[in-house]
Amino acid sequence: MKFKVTNWAEYDAGLCQRGSLSLWVTSEAVDGWAAPRRKTRGGQPRYSDLAIETALTLGLVFGLRLRQAEGFLTSVLRLMGLDLAVPDHTTLSRRANKWRSPDKRQGHRLPGKGLVHVLIDSTGLEVSGAGQWLEQKHGAKSRRRWRKLHLALDADSGEIIAHVMTDQDAGDASQVEALLDQIDDPIDQFMADGAYDGNPTYDAVIEHSTSAAVVIPPRANAVERPDTDLSYQRDRHIAAINADGRMKWQAATDYGKRSLVETAIGRYKSIIGQRLRARSFAAQQTEVAIGCAALNRMLACARPKSVRCVAATA
């Protein structure tokens, strides 16, 4: 099966734009660079969350450590002629543990745009630590530590509309409700792989959007439940697979579209990285949130529009 990109010129220009170093700072950003005066007891922060987010985003996108990100932002502001103080690397490290996104979601999709087709999946991100150092230095065997990144993708726009990071022992289905809580728009269709099969996933989706269609392949040994009515979606999937086979069921439900979320995961790992740089769990959550926001901005610059090539018949 082959696909052809129909907007190659636009897509090619957008990919080049992703690496552009042209930066601009709006007057609103300059006015909001310093932290607002607090009215409660305690120390007065010097930098706003916007300043911290700017420095962390530049460091993450260009693969810089905190010290290098500090120097990079300092030079950029100097070249732009802006007299703004730059957060030092110690401040960035401390504030990364407390930073929270001002928006509920990281994407650009505005609420009220209609029904959304949601695709979800999870992947592992490696955590750097002493275990890897001991293994490289002395050949000592250690148990690798991972974090699990759970993503919800808008199938139409390709943007990440929800994300949750957990430890490596968290089950995929246990995070469905947390992902759905970040989605304001009603869901038209919810699609996931077999790891999410089960009543808790169906119940969470239906509670969020009553009329949502849930497309999850049931387990190979799944059977219909005699005590449920005919409207139960999981039983309809089981009956369709038993009658026509799994491949025909996938074609009928357009299950192949779920590969878009796997593409998004591959995009995250190739651009942002397969390994978390932050050490603490809170800072790792900040890193993931900024990474998802950066990917959405890059996708807005360039997204391919592909169509399936139809083979000519004699």
C-alpha atoms as a PDB file:
ATOM      1  CA  MET A   1       0.000   0.000   0.000  1.00  0.00           C
ATOM      2  CA  LYS A   2       1.537   3.306  -1.122  1.00  0.00           C
ATOM      3  CA  PHE A   3       0.661   6.897  -0.288  1.00  0.00           C
ATOM      4  CA  LYS A   4       1.429  10.140  -2.088  1.00  0.00           C
ATOM      5  CA  VAL A   5       1.974  13.514  -0.424  1.00  0.00           C
ATOM      6  CA  THR A   6      -0.197  16.054  -2.233  1.00  0.00           C
ATOM      7  CA  ASN A   7       1.228  19.201  -0.595  1.00  0.00           C
ATOM      8  CA  TRP A   8       4.910  18.380  -0.902  1.00  0.00           C
ATOM      9  CA  ALA A   9       6.095  21.952  -1.650  1.00  0.00           C
ATOM     10  CA  GLU A  10       4.258  23.359   1.368  1.00  0.00           C
ATOM     11  CA  TYR A  11       5.330  20.453   3.568  1.00  0.00           C
ATOM     12  CA  ASP A  12       8.977  20.761   2.509  1.00  0.00           C
ATOM     13  CA  ALA A  13       9.007  24.494   3.272  1.00  0.00           C
ATOM     14  CA  GLY A  14       7.382  23.861   6.644  1.00  0.00           C
ATOM     15  CA  LEU A  15      10.008  21.284   7.596  1.00  0.00           C
ATOM     16  CA  CYS A  16      12.722  23.846   6.870  1.00  0.00           C
ATOM     17  CA  GLN A  17      10.804  26.387   8.940  1.00  0.00           C
ATOM     18  CA  ARG A  18      10.959  24.076  11.949  1.00  0.00           C
ATOM     19  CA  GLY A  19      14.699  24.672  12.186  1.00  0.00           C
ATOM     20  CA  SER A  20      14.506  28.430  11.762  1.00  0.00           C
ATOM     21  CA  LEU A  21      16.263  30.532  14.394  1.00  0.00           C
ATOM     22  CA  SER A  22      14.079  33.556  13.718  1.00  0.00           C
ATOM     23  CA  LEU A  23      12.646  34.489  17.106  1.00  0.00           C
ATOM     24  CA  TRP A  24      10.444  37.328  18.153  1.00  0.00           C
ATOM     25  CA  VAL A  25       9.151  38.527  21.487  1.00  0.00           C
ATOM     26  CA  THR A  26       5.807  40.279  21.678  1.00  0.00           C
ATOM     27  CA  SER A  27       5.216  43.333  23.819  1.00  0.00           C
ATOM     28  CA  GLU A  28       2.863  41.260  25.976  1.00  0.00           C
ATOM     29  CA  ALA A  29       5.673  38.776  26.646  1.00  0.00           C
ATOM     30  CA  VAL A  30       8.067  41.592  27.588  1.00  0.00           C
ATOM     31  CA  ASP A  31       5.497  43.052  29.993  1.00  0.00           C
ATOM     32  CA  GLY A  32       4.843  39.627  31.514  1.00  0.00           C
ATOM     33  CA  TRP A  33       8.486  38.535  31.792  1.00  0.00           C
ATOM     34  CA  ALA A  34       8.799  39.488  35.446  1.00  0.00           C
ATOM     35  CA  ALA A  35       6.701  37.684  38.029  1.00  0.00           C
ATOM     36  CA  PRO A  36       3.669  39.607  39.306  1.00  0.00           C
ATOM     37  CA  ARG A  37       3.917  41.011  42.794  1.00  0.00           C
ATOM     38  CA  ARG A  38       2.590  38.464  45.237  1.00  0.00           C
ATOM     39  CA  LYS A  39       0.149  39.592  47.908  1.00  0.00           C
ATOM     40  CA  THR A  40       0.734  36.780  50.374  1.00  0.00           C
ATOM     41  CA  ARG A  41       3.559  35.973  52.741  1.00  0.00           C
ATOM     42  CA  GLY A  42       6.757  34.516  51.342  1.00  0.00           C
ATOM     43  CA  GLY A  43       9.544  35.376  48.971  1.00  0.00           C
ATOM     44  CA  GLN A  44       8.911  37.308  45.768  1.00  0.00           C
ATOM     45  CA  PRO A  45       9.790  35.334  42.614  1.00  0.00           C
ATOM     46  CA  ARG A  46      11.765  37.256  40.018  1.00  0.00           C
ATOM     47  CA  TYR A  47      10.672  35.489  36.841  1.00  0.00           C
ATOM     48  CA  SER A  48       7.180  34.653  35.623  1.00  0.00           C
ATOM     49  CA  ASP A  49       6.135  31.200  34.442  1.00  0.00           C
ATOM     50  CA  LEU A  50       6.359  32.566  30.891  1.00  0.00           C
ATOM     51  CA  ALA A  51      10.070  33.305  31.287  1.00  0.00           C
ATOM     52  CA  ILE A  52      10.721  29.852  32.730  1.00  0.00           C
ATOM     53  CA  GLU A  53       8.708  28.184  29.965  1.00  0.00           C
ATOM     54  CA  THR A  54      10.577  30.123  27.271  1.00  0.00           C
ATOM     55  CA  ALA A  55      13.987  29.043  28.553  1.00  0.00           C
ATOM     56  CA  LEU A  56      12.954  25.414  29.062  1.00  0.00           C
ATOM     57  CA  THR A  57      11.330  25.238  25.615  1.00  0.00           C
ATOM     58  CA  LEU A  58      14.414  26.553  23.831  1.00  0.00           C
ATOM     59  CA  GLY A  59      16.592  24.094  25.710  1.00  0.00           C
ATOM     60  CA  LEU A  60      14.325  21.156  24.911  1.00  0.00           C
ATOM     61  CA  VAL A  61      13.856  21.959  21.220  1.00  0.00           C
ATOM     62  CA  PHE A  62      17.539  22.610  20.524  1.00  0.00           C
ATOM     63  CA  GLY A  63      18.847  19.832  22.774  1.00  0.00           C
ATOM     64  CA  LEU A  64      20.552  22.098  25.311  1.00  0.00           C
ATOM     65  CA  ARG A  65      21.235  21.486  28.969  1.00  0.00           C
ATOM     66  CA  LEU A  66      20.116  24.098  31.471  1.00  0.00           C
ATOM     67  CA  ARG A  67      23.419  25.979  31.526  1.00  0.00           C
ATOM     68  CA  GLN A  68      23.570  26.058  27.724  1.00  0.00           C
ATOM     69  CA  ALA A  69      19.916  27.102  27.536  1.00  0.00           C
ATOM     70  CA  GLU A  70      20.691  29.996  29.873  1.00  0.00           C
ATOM     71  CA  GLY A  71      23.571  31.127  27.655  1.00  0.00           C
ATOM     72  CA  PHE A  72      21.552  30.649  24.464  1.00  0.00           C
ATOM     73  CA  LEU A  73      18.627  32.762  25.693  1.00  0.00           C
ATOM     74  CA  THR A  74      21.017  35.437  27.001  1.00  0.00           C
ATOM     75  CA  SER A  75      22.668  35.789  23.604  1.00  0.00           C
ATOM     76  CA  VAL A  76      19.334  35.840  21.754  1.00  0.00           C
ATOM     77  CA  LEU A  77      17.920  38.611  23.937  1.00  0.00           C
ATOM     78  CA  ARG A  78      21.151  40.582  23.598  1.00  0.00           C
ATOM     79  CA  LEU A  79      21.010  40.332  19.798  1.00  0.00           C
ATOM     80  CA  MET A  80      17.384  41.457  19.867  1.00  0.00           C
ATOM     81  CA  GLY A  81      18.300  44.465  22.013  1.00  0.00           C
ATOM     82  CA  LEU A  82      15.972  43.466  24.855  1.00  0.00           C
ATOM     83  CA  ASP A  83      16.988  44.342  28.397  1.00  0.00           C
ATOM     84  CA  LEU A  84      15.473  41.297  30.068  1.00  0.00           C
ATOM     85  CA  ALA A  85      17.020  39.251  32.857  1.00  0.00           C
ATOM     86  CA  VAL A  86      17.502  35.570  32.012  1.00  0.00           C
ATOM     87  CA  PRO A  87      16.763  32.848  34.583  1.00  0.00           C
ATOM     88  CA  ASP A  88      19.947  31.078  35.627  1.00  0.00           C
ATOM     89  CA  HIS A  89      20.233  27.304  35.404  1.00  0.00           C
ATOM     90  CA  THR A  90      19.664  26.859  39.139  1.00  0.00           C
ATOM     91  CA  THR A  91      16.403  28.786  38.952  1.00  0.00           C
ATOM     92  CA  LEU A  92      15.317  26.786  35.897  1.00  0.00           C
ATOM     93  CA  SER A  93      16.004  23.513  37.712  1.00  0.00           C
ATOM     94  CA  ARG A  94      14.066  24.611  40.798  1.00  0.00           C
ATOM     95  CA  ARG A  95      11.114  26.159  38.967  1.00  0.00           C
ATOM     96  CA  ALA A  96      10.771  23.156  36.643  1.00  0.00           C
ATOM     97  CA  ASN A  97       9.551  21.198  39.663  1.00  0.00           C
ATOM     98  CA  LYS A  98       6.729  23.695  40.248  1.00  0.00           C
ATOM     99  CA  TRP A  99       5.845  24.910  36.741  1.00  0.00           C
ATOM    100  CA  ARG A 100       2.344  24.205  35.496  1.00  0.00           C
ATOM    101  CA  SER A 101       0.891  24.989  32.122  1.00  0.00           C
ATOM    102  CA  PRO A 102      -1.594  27.889  32.227  1.00  0.00           C
ATOM    103  CA  ASP A 103      -3.833  26.036  29.752  1.00  0.00           C
ATOM    104  CA  LYS A 104      -5.622  22.796  30.427  1.00  0.00           C
ATOM    105  CA  ARG A 105      -4.437  21.379  27.143  1.00  0.00           C
ATOM    106  CA  GLN A 106      -1.235  21.832  25.225  1.00  0.00           C
ATOM    107  CA  GLY A 107      -2.706  21.889  21.738  1.00  0.00           C
ATOM    108  CA  HIS A 108      -4.050  24.726  19.618  1.00  0.00           C
ATOM    109  CA  ARG A 109      -7.444  23.129  19.037  1.00  0.00           C
ATOM    110  CA  LEU A 110     -10.076  25.414  20.500  1.00  0.00           C
ATOM    111  CA  PRO A 111     -13.092  24.004  22.341  1.00  0.00           C
ATOM    112  CA  GLY A 112     -16.443  24.179  20.629  1.00  0.00           C
ATOM    113  CA  LYS A 113     -15.169  23.030  17.234  1.00  0.00           C
ATOM    114  CA  GLY A 114     -17.381  19.966  17.163  1.00  0.00           C
ATOM    115  CA  LEU A 115     -16.824  16.268  17.660  1.00  0.00           C
ATOM    116  CA  VAL A 116     -13.305  14.921  17.988  1.00  0.00           C
ATOM    117  CA  HIS A 117     -11.858  11.566  16.951  1.00  0.00           C
ATOM    118  CA  VAL A 118      -9.543  10.480  19.782  1.00  0.00           C
ATOM    119  CA  LEU A 119      -6.651   8.032  19.427  1.00  0.00           C
ATOM    120  CA  ILE A 120      -4.701   6.982  22.517  1.00  0.00           C
ATOM    121  CA  ASP A 121      -1.579   4.940  23.168  1.00  0.00           C
ATOM    122  CA  SER A 122       1.402   4.863  25.513  1.00  0.00           C
ATOM    123  CA  THR A 123       5.160   4.510  25.248  1.00  0.00           C
ATOM    124  CA  GLY A 124       8.173   4.251  27.504  1.00  0.00           C
ATOM    125  CA  LEU A 125      10.731   6.991  28.137  1.00  0.00           C
ATOM    126  CA  GLU A 126      14.060   6.072  29.656  1.00  0.00           C
ATOM    127  CA  VAL A 127      15.214   7.804  32.827  1.00  0.00           C
ATOM    128  CA  SER A 128      18.883   8.689  33.148  1.00  0.00           C
ATOM    129  CA  GLY A 129      20.442   7.800  36.466  1.00  0.00           C
ATOM    130  CA  ALA A 130      23.257   6.126  38.346  1.00  0.00           C
ATOM    131  CA  GLY A 131      22.246   2.699  37.034  1.00  0.00           C
ATOM    132  CA  GLN A 132      23.242   3.491  33.472  1.00  0.00           C
ATOM    133  CA  TRP A 133      26.510   5.082  34.630  1.00  0.00           C
ATOM    134  CA  LEU A 134      27.468   1.996  36.654  1.00  0.00           C
ATOM    135  CA  GLU A 135      26.647  -0.253  33.709  1.00  0.00           C
ATOM    136  CA  GLN A 136      28.794   1.759  31.299  1.00  0.00           C
ATOM    137  CA  LYS A 137      31.678   2.260  33.731  1.00  0.00           C
ATOM    138  CA  HIS A 138      31.912  -1.091  35.481  1.00  0.00           C
ATOM    139  CA  GLY A 139      29.652  -3.400  33.505  1.00  0.00           C
ATOM    140  CA  ALA A 140      27.336  -3.782  36.491  1.00  0.00           C
ATOM    141  CA  LYS A 141      23.855  -5.004  35.701  1.00  0.00           C
ATOM    142  CA  SER A 142      21.065  -2.778  36.900  1.00  0.00           C
ATOM    143  CA  ARG A 143      17.354  -2.602  36.393  1.00  0.00           C
ATOM    144  CA  ARG A 144      16.483   0.147  33.977  1.00  0.00           C
ATOM    145  CA  ARG A 145      13.956   2.724  35.084  1.00  0.00           C
ATOM    146  CA  TRP A 146      11.246   3.994  32.783  1.00  0.00           C
ATOM    147  CA  ARG A 147       8.378   6.415  32.722  1.00  0.00           C
ATOM    148  CA  LYS A 148       5.252   5.779  30.705  1.00  0.00           C
ATOM    149  CA  LEU A 149       3.912   8.571  28.544  1.00  0.00           C
ATOM    150  CA  HIS A 150       0.199   8.249  27.724  1.00  0.00           C
ATOM    151  CA  LEU A 151      -0.983  10.346  24.775  1.00  0.00           C
ATOM    152  CA  ALA A 152      -4.373  11.268  23.328  1.00  0.00           C
ATOM    153  CA  LEU A 153      -4.285  12.449  19.720  1.00  0.00           C
ATOM    154  CA  ASP A 154      -6.809  14.300  17.589  1.00  0.00           C
ATOM    155  CA  ALA A 155      -7.002  12.114  14.487  1.00  0.00           C
ATOM    156  CA  ASP A 156      -8.113  14.997  12.254  1.00  0.00           C
ATOM    157  CA  SER A 157      -5.481  17.592  13.187  1.00  0.00           C
ATOM    158  CA  GLY A 158      -2.739  15.253  14.448  1.00  0.00           C
ATOM    159  CA  GLU A 159      -2.266  17.345  17.594  1.00  0.00           C
ATOM    160  CA  ILE A 160      -1.682  15.973  21.066  1.00  0.00           C
ATOM    161  CA  ILE A 161      -4.743  17.041  23.021  1.00  0.00           C
ATOM    162  CA  ALA A 162      -4.009  15.234  26.295  1.00  0.00           C
ATOM    163  CA  HIS A 163      -1.077  13.570  27.983  1.00  0.00           C
ATOM    164  CA  VAL A 164      -0.288  11.858  31.286  1.00  0.00           C
ATOM    165  CA  MET A 165       3.049  10.590  32.578  1.00  0.00           C
ATOM    166  CA  THR A 166       3.207   7.761  35.107  1.00  0.00           C
ATOM    167  CA  ASP A 167       5.732   5.283  36.412  1.00  0.00           C
ATOM    168  CA  GLN A 168       6.483   2.128  34.507  1.00  0.00           C
ATOM    169  CA  ASP A 169       4.087  -0.042  36.523  1.00  0.00           C
ATOM    170  CA  ALA A 170       0.906   1.896  35.668  1.00  0.00           C
ATOM    171  CA  GLY A 171      -1.503   0.090  33.366  1.00  0.00           C
ATOM    172  CA  ASP A 172      -2.601   1.680  30.120  1.00  0.00           C
ATOM    173  CA  ALA A 173      -6.324   1.389  30.802  1.00  0.00           C
ATOM    174  CA  SER A 174      -5.965   3.016  34.219  1.00  0.00           C
ATOM    175  CA  GLN A 175      -5.069   6.360  32.602  1.00  0.00           C
ATOM    176  CA  VAL A 176      -8.002   6.629  30.196  1.00  0.00           C
ATOM    177  CA  GLU A 177     -10.105   8.682  32.592  1.00  0.00           C
ATOM    178  CA  ALA A 178      -7.203  11.053  33.323  1.00  0.00           C
ATOM    179  CA  LEU A 179      -6.724  11.634  29.584  1.00  0.00           C
ATOM    180  CA  LEU A 180     -10.415  12.197  28.952  1.00  0.00           C
ATOM    181  CA  ASP A 181     -10.586  14.760  31.757  1.00  0.00           C
ATOM    182  CA  GLN A 182      -8.301  16.981  29.661  1.00  0.00           C
ATOM    183  CA  ILE A 183     -10.597  16.867  26.609  1.00  0.00           C
ATOM    184  CA  ASP A 184     -13.452  19.390  26.643  1.00  0.00           C
ATOM    185  CA  ASP A 185     -14.993  18.614  23.248  1.00  0.00           C
ATOM    186  CA  PRO A 186     -17.464  15.741  22.834  1.00  0.00           C
ATOM    187  CA  ILE A 187     -15.937  12.566  21.415  1.00  0.00           C
ATOM    188  CA  ASP A 188     -17.236  11.113  18.169  1.00  0.00           C
ATOM    189  CA  GLN A 189     -14.982   8.054  18.102  1.00  0.00           C
ATOM    190  CA  PHE A 190     -12.471   6.633  20.563  1.00  0.00           C
ATOM    191  CA  MET A 191      -9.827   4.244  19.257  1.00  0.00           C
ATOM    192  CA  ALA A 192      -7.101   2.294  21.076  1.00  0.00           C
ATOM    193  CA  ASP A 193      -5.254  -1.018  20.901  1.00  0.00           C
ATOM    194  CA  GLY A 194      -6.061  -4.244  22.706  1.00  0.00           C
ATOM    195  CA  ALA A 195      -4.274  -3.180  25.903  1.00  0.00           C
ATOM    196  CA  TYR A 196      -7.263  -0.922  26.657  1.00  0.00           C
ATOM    197  CA  ASP A 197      -9.882  -3.636  26.176  1.00  0.00           C
ATOM    198  CA  GLY A 198     -12.239  -3.972  29.125  1.00  0.00           C
ATOM    199  CA  ASN A 199     -15.310  -2.525  30.765  1.00  0.00           C
ATOM    200  CA  PRO A 200     -13.492   0.318  32.600  1.00  0.00           C
ATOM    201  CA  THR A 201     -12.381   1.871  29.301  1.00  0.00           C
ATOM    202  CA  TYR A 202     -15.830   1.613  27.720  1.00  0.00           C
ATOM    203  CA  ASP A 203     -17.477   3.035  30.834  1.00  0.00           C
ATOM    204  CA  ALA A 204     -15.041   5.986  31.018  1.00  0.00           C
ATOM    205  CA  VAL A 205     -15.591   6.910  27.368  1.00  0.00           C
ATOM    206  CA  ILE A 206     -19.386   6.620  27.561  1.00  0.00           C
ATOM    207  CA  GLU A 207     -19.419   8.690  30.739  1.00  0.00           C
ATOM    208  CA  HIS A 208     -17.502  11.427  28.917  1.00  0.00           C
ATOM    209  CA  SER A 209     -19.549  11.275  25.690  1.00  0.00           C
ATOM    210  CA  THR A 210     -22.678   9.160  25.697  1.00  0.00           C
ATOM    211  CA  SER A 211     -22.879   8.728  21.930  1.00  0.00           C
ATOM    212  CA  ALA A 212     -19.165   8.020  21.380  1.00  0.00           C
ATOM    213  CA  ALA A 213     -18.200   4.993  19.289  1.00  0.00           C
ATOM    214  CA  VAL A 214     -15.493   2.898  20.960  1.00  0.00           C
ATOM    215  CA  VAL A 215     -13.219   0.892  18.657  1.00  0.00           C
ATOM    216  CA  ILE A 216     -10.925  -1.439  20.597  1.00  0.00           C
ATOM    217  CA  PRO A 217     -10.003  -4.943  19.390  1.00  0.00           C
ATOM    218  CA  PRO A 218     -11.190  -7.464  21.980  1.00  0.00           C
ATOM    219  CA  ARG A 219      -8.885 -10.186  23.214  1.00  0.00           C
ATOM    220  CA  ALA A 220      -8.552 -13.357  21.171  1.00  0.00           C
ATOM    221  CA  ASN A 221     -10.407 -15.391  23.824  1.00  0.00           C
ATOM    222  CA  ALA A 222     -13.128 -12.782  24.451  1.00  0.00           C
ATOM    223  CA  VAL A 223     -16.723 -14.023  24.468  1.00  0.00           C
ATOM    224  CA  GLU A 224     -20.038 -12.238  24.379  1.00  0.00           C
ATOM    225  CA  ARG A 225     -21.766 -11.769  27.693  1.00  0.00           C
ATOM    226  CA  PRO A 226     -25.287 -13.200  27.752  1.00  0.00           C
ATOM    227  CA  ASP A 227     -26.436 -10.802  30.477  1.00  0.00           C
ATOM    228  CA  THR A 228     -25.952  -7.613  28.401  1.00  0.00           C
ATOM    229  CA  ASP A 229     -28.236  -6.005  25.841  1.00  0.00           C
ATOM    230  CA  LEU A 230     -27.465  -5.908  22.125  1.00  0.00           C
ATOM    231  CA  SER A 231     -26.382  -2.264  22.262  1.00  0.00           C
ATOM    232  CA  TYR A 232     -23.175  -3.039  24.177  1.00  0.00           C
ATOM    233  CA  GLN A 233     -20.378  -2.079  21.783  1.00  0.00           C
ATOM    234  CA  ARG A 234     -17.786  -4.613  22.924  1.00  0.00           C
ATOM    235  CA  ASP A 235     -20.151  -7.512  22.308  1.00  0.00           C
ATOM    236  CA  ARG A 236     -20.876  -6.178  18.813  1.00  0.00           C
ATOM    237  CA  HIS A 237     -17.147  -6.139  18.082  1.00  0.00           C
ATOM    238  CA  ILE A 238     -16.780  -9.718  19.332  1.00  0.00           C
ATOM    239  CA  ALA A 239     -19.718 -10.882  17.214  1.00  0.00           C
ATOM    240  CA  ALA A 240     -18.368  -9.151  14.097  1.00  0.00           C
ATOM    241  CA  ILE A 241     -14.931 -10.706  14.528  1.00  0.00           C
ATOM    242  CA  ASN A 242     -16.383 -14.161  15.107  1.00  0.00           C
ATOM    243  CA  ALA A 243     -18.551 -13.834  12.007  1.00  0.00           C
ATOM    244  CA  ASP A 244     -16.191 -12.208   9.492  1.00  0.00           C
ATOM    245  CA  GLY A 245     -12.700 -12.377  10.990  1.00  0.00           C
ATOM    246  CA  ARG A 246     -10.444  -9.778  12.536  1.00  0.00           C
ATOM    247  CA  MET A 247      -9.106  -8.346   9.264  1.00  0.00           C
ATOM    248  CA  LYS A 248     -12.569  -7.547   7.921  1.00  0.00           C
ATOM    249  CA  TRP A 249     -13.482  -6.028  11.279  1.00  0.00           C
ATOM    250  CA  GLN A 250     -10.441  -3.746  11.088  1.00  0.00           C
ATOM    251  CA  ALA A 251     -11.403  -2.635   7.584  1.00  0.00           C
ATOM    252  CA  ALA A 252     -15.042  -2.040   8.569  1.00  0.00           C
ATOM    253  CA  THR A 253     -14.122   0.063  11.619  1.00  0.00           C
ATOM    254  CA  ASP A 254     -11.211   1.896   9.923  1.00  0.00           C
ATOM    255  CA  TYR A 255      -8.972   0.613  12.699  1.00  0.00           C
ATOM    256  CA  GLY A 256      -5.873   1.370  10.644  1.00  0.00           C
ATOM    257  CA  LYS A 257      -6.242   5.054  11.546  1.00  0.00           C
ATOM    258  CA  ARG A 258      -4.915   4.165  14.994  1.00  0.00           C
ATOM    259  CA  SER A 259      -1.422   4.137  13.466  1.00  0.00           C
ATOM    260  CA  LEU A 260      -1.529   7.955  13.573  1.00  0.00           C
ATOM    261  CA  VAL A 261      -0.941   7.946  17.327  1.00  0.00           C
ATOM    262  CA  GLU A 262       2.013   5.578  16.840  1.00  0.00           C
ATOM    263  CA  THR A 263       3.373   8.076  14.325  1.00  0.00           C
ATOM    264  CA  ALA A 264       2.993  10.837  16.918  1.00  0.00           C
ATOM    265  CA  ILE A 265       4.941   8.748  19.438  1.00  0.00           C
ATOM    266  CA  GLY A 266       7.692   8.207  16.890  1.00  0.00           C
ATOM    267  CA  ARG A 267       7.717  11.937  16.195  1.00  0.00           C
ATOM    268  CA  TYR A 268       8.116  12.685  19.907  1.00  0.00           C
ATOM    269  CA  LYS A 269      11.029  10.279  20.306  1.00  0.00           C
ATOM    270  CA  SER A 270      12.841  11.402  17.159  1.00  0.00           C
ATOM    271  CA  ILE A 271      12.506  15.157  17.839  1.00  0.00           C
ATOM    272  CA  ILE A 272      12.280  15.510  21.623  1.00  0.00           C
ATOM    273  CA  GLY A 273      14.136  12.329  22.537  1.00  0.00           C
ATOM    274  CA  GLN A 274      13.709   8.826  23.943  1.00  0.00           C
ATOM    275  CA  ARG A 275      15.223   9.736  27.293  1.00  0.00           C
ATOM    276  CA  LEU A 276      14.062  12.159  29.972  1.00  0.00           C
ATOM    277  CA  ARG A 277      16.685  14.680  31.032  1.00  0.00           C
ATOM    278  CA  ALA A 278      15.107  15.800  34.293  1.00  0.00           C
ATOM    279  CA  ARG A 279      15.735  13.788  37.445  1.00  0.00           C
ATOM    280  CA  SER A 280      12.717  14.479  39.663  1.00  0.00           C
ATOM    281  CA  PHE A 281       9.249  13.261  38.720  1.00  0.00           C
ATOM    282  CA  ALA A 282       7.732  16.765  38.842  1.00  0.00           C
ATOM    283  CA  ALA A 283      10.423  18.156  36.528  1.00  0.00           C
ATOM    284  CA  GLN A 284       9.900  15.213  34.192  1.00  0.00           C
ATOM    285  CA  GLN A 285       6.203  16.060  33.990  1.00  0.00           C
ATOM    286  CA  THR A 286       7.155  19.621  33.058  1.00  0.00           C
ATOM    287  CA  GLU A 287       9.553  18.335  30.412  1.00  0.00           C
ATOM    288  CA  VAL A 288       6.872  16.142  28.841  1.00  0.00           C
ATOM    289  CA  ALA A 289       4.287  18.944  28.874  1.00  0.00           C
ATOM    290  CA  ILE A 290       6.651  21.371  27.142  1.00  0.00           C
ATOM    291  CA  GLY A 291       7.679  18.669  24.663  1.00  0.00           C
ATOM    292  CA  CYS A 292       4.067  18.012  23.652  1.00  0.00           C
ATOM    293  CA  ALA A 293       3.419  21.738  23.241  1.00  0.00           C
ATOM    294  CA  ALA A 294       6.536  22.111  21.078  1.00  0.00           C
ATOM    295  CA  LEU A 295       5.472  19.207  18.856  1.00  0.00           C
ATOM    296  CA  ASN A 296       2.054  20.770  18.332  1.00  0.00           C
ATOM    297  CA  ARG A 297       3.684  24.023  17.260  1.00  0.00           C
ATOM    298  CA  MET A 298       5.966  22.171  14.838  1.00  0.00           C
ATOM    299  CA  LEU A 299       3.015  20.298  13.404  1.00  0.00           C
ATOM    300  CA  ALA A 300       1.272  23.608  12.769  1.00  0.00           C
ATOM    301  CA  CYS A 301       4.250  24.623  10.612  1.00  0.00           C
ATOM    302  CA  ALA A 302       4.226  21.493   8.477  1.00  0.00           C
ATOM    303  CA  ARG A 303       1.854  18.571   8.148  1.00  0.00           C
ATOM    304  CA  PRO A 304       1.746  16.274   5.119  1.00  0.00           C
ATOM    305  CA  LYS A 305      -1.519  15.599   3.326  1.00  0.00           C
ATOM    306  CA  SER A 306      -1.306  12.113   1.894  1.00  0.00           C
ATOM    307  CA  VAL A 307      -3.667  10.078  -0.253  1.00  0.00           C
ATOM    308  CA  ARG A 308      -3.601   6.415  -1.053  1.00  0.00           C
ATOM    309  CA  CYS A 309      -2.282   5.532  -4.504  1.00  0.00           C
ATOM    310  CA  VAL A 310      -4.655   3.402  -6.514  1.00  0.00           C
ATOM    311  CA  ALA A 311      -2.948   0.833  -8.701  1.00  0.00           C
ATOM    312  CA  ALA A 312      -3.958   0.964 -12.342  1.00  0.00           C
ATOM    313  CA  THR A 313      -5.801  -2.105 -13.579  1.00  0.00           C
ATOM    314  CA  ALA A 314      -5.337  -3.508 -17.062  1.00  0.00           C
END
